[in-house]
PDB file of N, CA and C in Angstrom:
ATOM      1  N   MET A   1       8.234   9.453  17.925  1.00  0.00           N
ATOM      2  CA  MET A   1       6.841   9.384  17.510  1.00  0.00           C
ATOM      3  C   MET A   1       6.774   9.107  16.011  1.00  0.00           C
ATOM      4  N   PRO A   2       6.029   8.084  15.604  1.00  0.00           N
ATOM      5  CA  PRO A   2       5.947   7.792  14.171  1.00  0.00           C
ATOM      6  C   PRO A   2       5.071   8.773  13.416  1.00  0.00           C
ATOM      7  N   GLY A   3       5.403   8.985  12.146  1.00  0.00           N
ATOM      8  CA  GLY A   3       4.565   9.774  11.262  1.00  0.00           C
ATOM      9  C   GLY A   3       3.572   8.862  10.572  1.00  0.00           C
ATOM     10  N   ILE A   4       2.291   9.128  10.770  1.00  0.00           N
ATOM     11  CA  ILE A   4       1.211   8.359  10.164  1.00  0.00           C
ATOM     12  C   ILE A   4       0.504   9.283   9.172  1.00  0.00           C
ATOM     13  N   GLU A   5       0.053   8.740   8.064  1.00  0.00           N
ATOM     14  CA  GLU A   5      -0.576   9.538   7.016  1.00  0.00           C
ATOM     15  C   GLU A   5      -2.072   9.255   6.938  1.00  0.00           C
ATOM     16  N   PRO A   6      -2.888  10.008   7.685  1.00  0.00           N
ATOM     17  CA  PRO A   6      -4.331   9.816   7.571  1.00  0.00           C
ATOM     18  C   PRO A   6      -4.895  10.505   6.331  1.00  0.00           C
ATOM     19  N   GLU A   7      -5.953   9.906   5.804  1.00  0.00           N
ATOM     20  CA  GLU A   7      -6.698  10.493   4.692  1.00  0.00           C
ATOM     21  C   GLU A   7      -8.163  10.514   5.104  1.00  0.00           C
ATOM     22  N   TYR A   8      -8.832  11.622   4.795  1.00  0.00           N
ATOM     23  CA  TYR A   8     -10.210  11.815   5.237  1.00  0.00           C
ATOM     24  C   TYR A   8     -11.146  11.973   4.045  1.00  0.00           C
ATOM     25  N   PHE A   9     -12.317  11.377   4.135  1.00  0.00           N
ATOM     26  CA  PHE A   9     -13.335  11.520   3.104  1.00  0.00           C
ATOM     27  C   PHE A   9     -14.601  12.105   3.716  1.00  0.00           C
ATOM     28  N   ALA A  10     -15.385  12.771   2.883  1.00  0.00           N
ATOM     29  CA  ALA A  10     -16.714  13.272   3.248  1.00  0.00           C
ATOM     30  C   ALA A  10     -16.684  14.103   4.525  1.00  0.00           C
ATOM     31  N   GLN A  11     -17.569  13.816   5.466  1.00  0.00           N
ATOM     32  CA  GLN A  11     -17.723  14.624   6.670  1.00  0.00           C
ATOM     33  C   GLN A  11     -16.423  14.799   7.465  1.00  0.00           C
ATOM     34  N   PRO A  12     -15.650  13.748   7.738  1.00  0.00           N
ATOM     35  CA  PRO A  12     -14.396  13.980   8.464  1.00  0.00           C
ATOM     36  C   PRO A  12     -13.437  14.914   7.721  1.00  0.00           C
ATOM     37  N   GLY A  13     -13.390  14.830   6.404  1.00  0.00           N
ATOM     38  CA  GLY A  13     -12.548  15.731   5.628  1.00  0.00           C
ATOM     39  C   GLY A  13     -12.996  17.178   5.759  1.00  0.00           C
ATOM     40  N   GLU A  14     -14.312  17.373   5.741  1.00  0.00           N
ATOM     41  CA  GLU A  14     -14.860  18.721   5.915  1.00  0.00           C
ATOM     42  C   GLU A  14     -14.540  19.250   7.306  1.00  0.00           C
ATOM     43  N   GLN A  15     -14.687  18.407   8.311  1.00  0.00           N
ATOM     44  CA  GLN A  15     -14.444  18.837   9.684  1.00  0.00           C
ATOM     45  C   GLN A  15     -12.955  19.090   9.937  1.00  0.00           C
ATOM     46  N   ALA A  16     -12.082  18.316   9.309  1.00  0.00           N
ATOM     47  CA  ALA A  16     -10.639  18.515   9.477  1.00  0.00           C
ATOM     48  C   ALA A  16     -10.139  19.686   8.631  1.00  0.00           C
ATOM     49  N   GLY A  17     -10.898  20.038   7.598  1.00  0.00           N
ATOM     50  CA  GLY A  17     -10.474  21.111   6.713  1.00  0.00           C
ATOM     51  C   GLY A  17      -9.332  20.696   5.789  1.00  0.00           C
ATOM     52  N   ARG A  18      -9.207  19.395   5.570  1.00  0.00           N
ATOM     53  CA  ARG A  18      -8.148  18.863   4.703  1.00  0.00           C
ATOM     54  C   ARG A  18      -8.514  17.450   4.293  1.00  0.00           C
ATOM     55  N   ARG A  19      -7.870  16.979   3.251  1.00  0.00           N
ATOM     56  CA  ARG A  19      -8.116  15.599   2.797  1.00  0.00           C
ATOM     57  C   ARG A  19      -7.057  14.635   3.301  1.00  0.00           C
ATOM     58  N   ALA A  20      -5.863  15.151   3.577  1.00  0.00           N
ATOM     59  CA  ALA A  20      -4.774  14.278   4.015  1.00  0.00           C
ATOM     60  C   ALA A  20      -3.733  15.111   4.761  1.00  0.00           C
ATOM     61  N   GLU A  21      -2.886  14.433   5.487  1.00  0.00           N
ATOM     62  CA  GLU A  21      -1.799  15.079   6.212  1.00  0.00           C
ATOM     63  C   GLU A  21      -0.844  13.993   6.711  1.00  0.00           C
ATOM     64  N   THR A  22       0.253  14.402   7.291  1.00  0.00           N
ATOM     65  CA  THR A  22       1.131  13.495   8.015  1.00  0.00           C
ATOM     66  C   THR A  22       1.155  13.981   9.445  1.00  0.00           C
ATOM     67  N   ARG A  23       0.899  13.074  10.382  1.00  0.00           N
ATOM     68  CA  ARG A  23       0.840  13.449  11.801  1.00  0.00           C
ATOM     69  C   ARG A  23       1.784  12.595  12.617  1.00  0.00           C
ATOM     70  N   GLU A  24       2.445  13.251  13.541  1.00  0.00           N
ATOM     71  CA  GLU A  24       3.253  12.558  14.534  1.00  0.00           C
ATOM     72  C   GLU A  24       2.317  12.133  15.657  1.00  0.00           C
ATOM     73  N   THR A  25       2.470  10.916  16.140  1.00  0.00           N
ATOM     74  CA  THR A  25       1.600  10.420  17.196  1.00  0.00           C
ATOM     75  C   THR A  25       2.325   9.385  18.043  1.00  0.00           C
ATOM     76  N   SER A  26       1.860   9.222  19.257  1.00  0.00           N
ATOM     77  CA  SER A  26       2.417   8.173  20.121  1.00  0.00           C
ATOM     78  C   SER A  26       1.433   7.022  20.303  1.00  0.00           C
ATOM     79  N   VAL A  27       0.246   7.113  19.704  1.00  0.00           N
ATOM     80  CA  VAL A  27      -0.735   6.032  19.822  1.00  0.00           C
ATOM     81  C   VAL A  27      -0.294   4.852  18.960  1.00  0.00           C
ATOM     82  N   THR A  28      -0.817   3.680  19.278  1.00  0.00           N
ATOM     83  CA  THR A  28      -0.338   2.478  18.596  1.00  0.00           C
ATOM     84  C   THR A  28      -1.396   1.718  17.810  1.00  0.00           C
ATOM     85  N   THR A  29      -2.666   2.120  17.899  1.00  0.00           N
ATOM     86  CA  THR A  29      -3.719   1.412  17.165  1.00  0.00           C
ATOM     87  C   THR A  29      -4.536   2.394  16.334  1.00  0.00           C
ATOM     88  N   ALA A  30      -5.218   1.847  15.328  1.00  0.00           N
ATOM     89  CA  ALA A  30      -6.054   2.675  14.465  1.00  0.00           C
ATOM     90  C   ALA A  30      -7.156   3.372  15.260  1.00  0.00           C
ATOM     91  N   VAL A  31      -7.781   2.681  16.200  1.00  0.00           N
ATOM     92  CA  VAL A  31      -8.862   3.294  16.967  1.00  0.00           C
ATOM     93  C   VAL A  31      -8.335   4.419  17.861  1.00  0.00           C
ATOM     94  N   ALA A  32      -7.191   4.237  18.467  1.00  0.00           N
ATOM     95  CA  ALA A  32      -6.619   5.295  19.305  1.00  0.00           C
ATOM     96  C   ALA A  32      -6.225   6.499  18.446  1.00  0.00           C
ATOM     97  N   PHE A  33      -5.727   6.238  17.239  1.00  0.00           N
ATOM     98  CA  PHE A  33      -5.371   7.319  16.325  1.00  0.00           C
ATOM     99  C   PHE A  33      -6.618   8.092  15.911  1.00  0.00           C
ATOM    100  N   TYR A  34      -7.684   7.375  15.566  1.00  0.00           N
ATOM    101  CA  TYR A  34      -8.926   8.058  15.194  1.00  0.00           C
ATOM    102  C   TYR A  34      -9.449   8.894  16.354  1.00  0.00           C
ATOM    103  N   GLU A  35      -9.410   8.364  17.566  1.00  0.00           N
ATOM    104  CA  GLU A  35      -9.902   9.122  18.720  1.00  0.00           C
ATOM    105  C   GLU A  35      -9.057  10.368  18.958  1.00  0.00           C
ATOM    106  N   GLU A  36      -7.747  10.257  18.736  1.00  0.00           N
ATOM    107  CA  GLU A  36      -6.873  11.428  18.846  1.00  0.00           C
ATOM    108  C   GLU A  36      -7.277  12.499  17.831  1.00  0.00           C
ATOM    109  N   LEU A  37      -7.529  12.075  16.615  1.00  0.00           N
ATOM    110  CA  LEU A  37      -7.948  13.002  15.564  1.00  0.00           C
ATOM    111  C   LEU A  37      -9.353  13.542  15.826  1.00  0.00           C
ATOM    112  N   ARG A  38     -10.196  12.709  16.359  1.00  0.00           N
ATOM    113  CA  ARG A  38     -11.572  13.125  16.676  1.00  0.00           C
ATOM    114  C   ARG A  38     -11.569  14.275  17.676  1.00  0.00           C
ATOM    115  N   VAL A  39     -10.715  14.184  18.677  1.00  0.00           N
ATOM    116  CA  VAL A  39     -10.592  15.267  19.652  1.00  0.00           C
ATOM    117  C   VAL A  39     -10.007  16.518  18.985  1.00  0.00           C
ATOM    118  N   ALA A  40      -8.977  16.327  18.168  1.00  0.00           N
ATOM    119  CA  ALA A  40      -8.308  17.456  17.525  1.00  0.00           C
ATOM    120  C   ALA A  40      -9.220  18.208  16.561  1.00  0.00           C
ATOM    121  N   TYR A  41     -10.046  17.478  15.801  1.00  0.00           N
ATOM    122  CA  TYR A  41     -10.860  18.101  14.759  1.00  0.00           C
ATOM    123  C   TYR A  41     -12.353  18.135  15.053  1.00  0.00           C
ATOM    124  N   GLY A  42     -12.771  17.547  16.143  1.00  0.00           N
ATOM    125  CA  GLY A  42     -14.193  17.555  16.475  1.00  0.00           C
ATOM    126  C   GLY A  42     -15.029  16.663  15.582  1.00  0.00           C
ATOM    127  N   PHE A  43     -14.468  15.539  15.136  1.00  0.00           N
ATOM    128  CA  PHE A  43     -15.247  14.624  14.305  1.00  0.00           C
ATOM    129  C   PHE A  43     -16.518  14.205  15.030  1.00  0.00           C
ATOM    130  N   ALA A  44     -17.629  14.250  14.327  1.00  0.00           N
ATOM    131  CA  ALA A  44     -18.918  13.904  14.921  1.00  0.00           C
ATOM    132  C   ALA A  44     -19.143  12.394  14.978  1.00  0.00           C
ATOM    133  N   LEU A  45     -18.584  11.662  14.028  1.00  0.00           N
ATOM    134  CA  LEU A  45     -18.848  10.224  13.956  1.00  0.00           C
ATOM    135  C   LEU A  45     -17.906   9.432  14.860  1.00  0.00           C
ATOM    136  N   PRO A  46     -18.455   8.531  15.668  1.00  0.00           N
ATOM    137  CA  PRO A  46     -17.586   7.650  16.452  1.00  0.00           C
ATOM    138  C   PRO A  46     -16.975   6.569  15.556  1.00  0.00           C
ATOM    139  N   ALA A  47     -15.894   5.991  16.007  1.00  0.00           N
ATOM    140  CA  ALA A  47     -15.207   4.957  15.229  1.00  0.00           C
ATOM    141  C   ALA A  47     -16.152   3.818  14.843  1.00  0.00           C
ATOM    142  N   GLY A  48     -17.085   3.463  15.718  1.00  0.00           N
ATOM    143  CA  GLY A  48     -18.007   2.365  15.460  1.00  0.00           C
ATOM    144  C   GLY A  48     -18.897   2.565  14.251  1.00  0.00           C
ATOM    145  N   GLN A  49     -19.016   3.805  13.774  1.00  0.00           N
ATOM    146  CA  GLN A  49     -19.827   4.085  12.591  1.00  0.00           C
ATOM    147  C   GLN A  49     -18.976   4.250  11.340  1.00  0.00           C
ATOM    148  N   MET A  50     -17.680   4.020  11.472  1.00  0.00           N
ATOM    149  CA  MET A  50     -16.747   4.209  10.371  1.00  0.00           C
ATOM    150  C   MET A  50     -16.081   2.877  10.029  1.00  0.00           C
ATOM    151  N   ARG A  51     -15.388   2.857   8.898  1.00  0.00           N
ATOM    152  CA  ARG A  51     -14.495   1.750   8.530  1.00  0.00           C
ATOM    153  C   ARG A  51     -13.097   2.327   8.477  1.00  0.00           C
ATOM    154  N   VAL A  52     -12.120   1.478   8.649  1.00  0.00           N
ATOM    155  CA  VAL A  52     -10.735   1.921   8.566  1.00  0.00           C
ATOM    156  C   VAL A  52      -9.969   0.996   7.641  1.00  0.00           C
ATOM    157  N   ALA A  53      -9.072   1.589   6.867  1.00  0.00           N
ATOM    158  CA  ALA A  53      -8.172   0.822   6.012  1.00  0.00           C
ATOM    159  C   ALA A  53      -6.754   1.312   6.276  1.00  0.00           C
ATOM    160  N   VAL A  54      -5.831   0.372   6.372  1.00  0.00           N
ATOM    161  CA  VAL A  54      -4.424   0.709   6.558  1.00  0.00           C
ATOM    162  C   VAL A  54      -3.658   0.133   5.375  1.00  0.00           C
ATOM    163  N   ASN A  55      -2.922   1.007   4.717  1.00  0.00           N
ATOM    164  CA  ASN A  55      -2.136   0.607   3.546  1.00  0.00           C
ATOM    165  C   ASN A  55      -2.989  -0.130   2.510  1.00  0.00           C
ATOM    166  N   ALA A  56      -4.160   0.458   2.226  1.00  0.00           N
ATOM    167  CA  ALA A  56      -5.080   0.005   1.180  1.00  0.00           C
ATOM    168  C   ALA A  56      -5.801  -1.303   1.480  1.00  0.00           C
ATOM    169  N   ALA A  57      -5.855  -1.706   2.749  1.00  0.00           N
ATOM    170  CA  ALA A  57      -6.588  -2.931   3.107  1.00  0.00           C
ATOM    171  C   ALA A  57      -7.493  -2.654   4.305  1.00  0.00           C
ATOM    172  N   PHE A  58      -8.777  -2.984   4.164  1.00  0.00           N
ATOM    173  CA  PHE A  58      -9.662  -2.861   5.318  1.00  0.00           C
ATOM    174  C   PHE A  58      -9.104  -3.714   6.451  1.00  0.00           C
ATOM    175  N   CYS A  59      -9.277  -3.236   7.672  1.00  0.00           N
ATOM    176  CA  CYS A  59      -8.731  -3.953   8.824  1.00  0.00           C
ATOM    177  C   CYS A  59      -9.568  -3.644  10.056  1.00  0.00           C
ATOM    178  N   PRO A  60      -9.365  -4.403  11.131  1.00  0.00           N
ATOM    179  CA  PRO A  60     -10.065  -4.093  12.372  1.00  0.00           C
ATOM    180  C   PRO A  60      -9.480  -2.826  13.001  1.00  0.00           C
ATOM    181  N   TRP A  61     -10.288  -2.172  13.794  1.00  0.00           N
ATOM    182  CA  TRP A  61      -9.856  -0.953  14.470  1.00  0.00           C
ATOM    183  C   TRP A  61      -8.705  -1.212  15.443  1.00  0.00           C
ATOM    184  N   THR A  62      -8.501  -2.440  15.832  1.00  0.00           N
ATOM    185  CA  THR A  62      -7.428  -2.775  16.768  1.00  0.00           C
ATOM    186  C   THR A  62      -6.073  -2.929  16.076  1.00  0.00           C
ATOM    187  N   ARG A  63      -6.033  -2.755  14.783  1.00  0.00           N
ATOM    188  CA  ARG A  63      -4.796  -2.891  14.001  1.00  0.00           C
ATOM    189  C   ARG A  63      -3.707  -1.969  14.555  1.00  0.00           C
ATOM    190  N   SER A  64      -2.514  -2.514  14.731  1.00  0.00           N
ATOM    191  CA  SER A  64      -1.360  -1.722  15.161  1.00  0.00           C
ATOM    192  C   SER A  64      -0.881  -0.857  14.003  1.00  0.00           C
ATOM    193  N   LEU A  65      -0.393   0.338  14.346  1.00  0.00           N
ATOM    194  CA  LEU A  65       0.140   1.254  13.347  1.00  0.00           C
ATOM    195  C   LEU A  65       1.641   1.382  13.505  1.00  0.00           C
ATOM    196  N   LYS A  66       2.307   1.688  12.370  1.00  0.00           N
ATOM    197  CA  LYS A  66       3.748   1.904  12.400  1.00  0.00           C
ATOM    198  C   LYS A  66       4.100   3.091  11.507  1.00  0.00           C
ATOM    199  N   GLU A  67       5.319   3.548  11.646  1.00  0.00           N
ATOM    200  CA  GLU A  67       5.838   4.675  10.863  1.00  0.00           C
ATOM    201  C   GLU A  67       5.505   4.518   9.393  1.00  0.00           C
ATOM    202  N   GLY A  68       4.944   5.585   8.803  1.00  0.00           N
ATOM    203  CA  GLY A  68       4.669   5.596   7.373  1.00  0.00           C
ATOM    204  C   GLY A  68       3.368   4.958   6.938  1.00  0.00           C
ATOM    205  N   ASP A  69       2.597   4.392   7.875  1.00  0.00           N
ATOM    206  CA  ASP A  69       1.318   3.792   7.487  1.00  0.00           C
ATOM    207  C   ASP A  69       0.395   4.855   6.900  1.00  0.00           C
ATOM    208  N   HIS A  70      -0.354   4.452   5.886  1.00  0.00           N
ATOM    209  CA  HIS A  70      -1.379   5.287   5.269  1.00  0.00           C
ATOM    210  C   HIS A  70      -2.718   4.782   5.786  1.00  0.00           C
ATOM    211  N   VAL A  71      -3.440   5.642   6.493  1.00  0.00           N
ATOM    212  CA  VAL A  71      -4.686   5.246   7.163  1.00  0.00           C
ATOM    213  C   VAL A  71      -5.836   6.042   6.549  1.00  0.00           C
ATOM    214  N   VAL A  72      -6.867   5.332   6.111  1.00  0.00           N
ATOM    215  CA  VAL A  72      -8.043   5.967   5.531  1.00  0.00           C
ATOM    216  C   VAL A  72      -9.240   5.702   6.430  1.00  0.00           C
ATOM    217  N   PHE A  73      -9.937   6.775   6.794  1.00  0.00           N
ATOM    218  CA  PHE A  73     -11.156   6.670   7.588  1.00  0.00           C
ATOM    219  C   PHE A  73     -12.340   6.850   6.663  1.00  0.00           C
ATOM    220  N   ILE A  74     -13.227   5.852   6.626  1.00  0.00           N
ATOM    221  CA  ILE A  74     -14.316   5.827   5.663  1.00  0.00           C
ATOM    222  C   ILE A  74     -15.656   5.904   6.394  1.00  0.00           C
ATOM    223  N   PRO A  75     -16.362   7.021   6.202  1.00  0.00           N
ATOM    224  CA  PRO A  75     -17.665   7.167   6.850  1.00  0.00           C
ATOM    225  C   PRO A  75     -18.735   6.358   6.127  1.00  0.00           C
ATOM    226  N   PRO A  76     -19.913   6.224   6.735  1.00  0.00           N
ATOM    227  CA  PRO A  76     -21.005   5.527   6.068  1.00  0.00           C
ATOM    228  C   PRO A  76     -21.337   6.223   4.746  1.00  0.00           C
ATOM    229  N   VAL A  77     -21.733   5.441   3.768  1.00  0.00           N
ATOM    230  CA  VAL A  77     -22.039   5.985   2.450  1.00  0.00           C
ATOM    231  C   VAL A  77     -23.538   5.959   2.258  1.00  0.00           C
ATOM    232  N   SER A  78     -24.061   7.008   1.637  1.00  0.00           N
ATOM    233  CA  SER A  78     -25.492   7.026   1.315  1.00  0.00           C
ATOM    234  C   SER A  78     -25.645   7.591  -0.080  1.00  0.00           C
ATOM    235  N   GLY A  79     -26.792   7.467  -0.606  1.00  0.00           N
ATOM    236  CA  GLY A  79     -27.033   8.003  -1.939  1.00  0.00           C
ATOM    237  C   GLY A  79     -27.763   6.996  -2.788  1.00  0.00           C
ATOM    238  N   GLY A  80     -27.929   7.333  -4.006  1.00  0.00           N
ATOM    239  CA  GLY A  80     -28.670   6.444  -4.856  1.00  0.00           C
ATOM    240  C   GLY A  80     -28.242   6.437  -6.263  1.00  0.00           C
TER     241      GLY A  80
END
């Protein structure tokens, strides 16, 4: 199982109780990884309302993941 390094901002970070971690997983795509984390931490936002970046580049949710990837989940931004 590869170790993937997710990073969480705003609401997902609050719900996970952490900003980052390294997780072992058998999933192969960013969307499957997010859904795995969503179940584990009870994330309220579905993937369709978020953006994902892998190794500092925005990418589609269908992006394949590999050992050591750094994955950032970015919720909608609001404010003024």
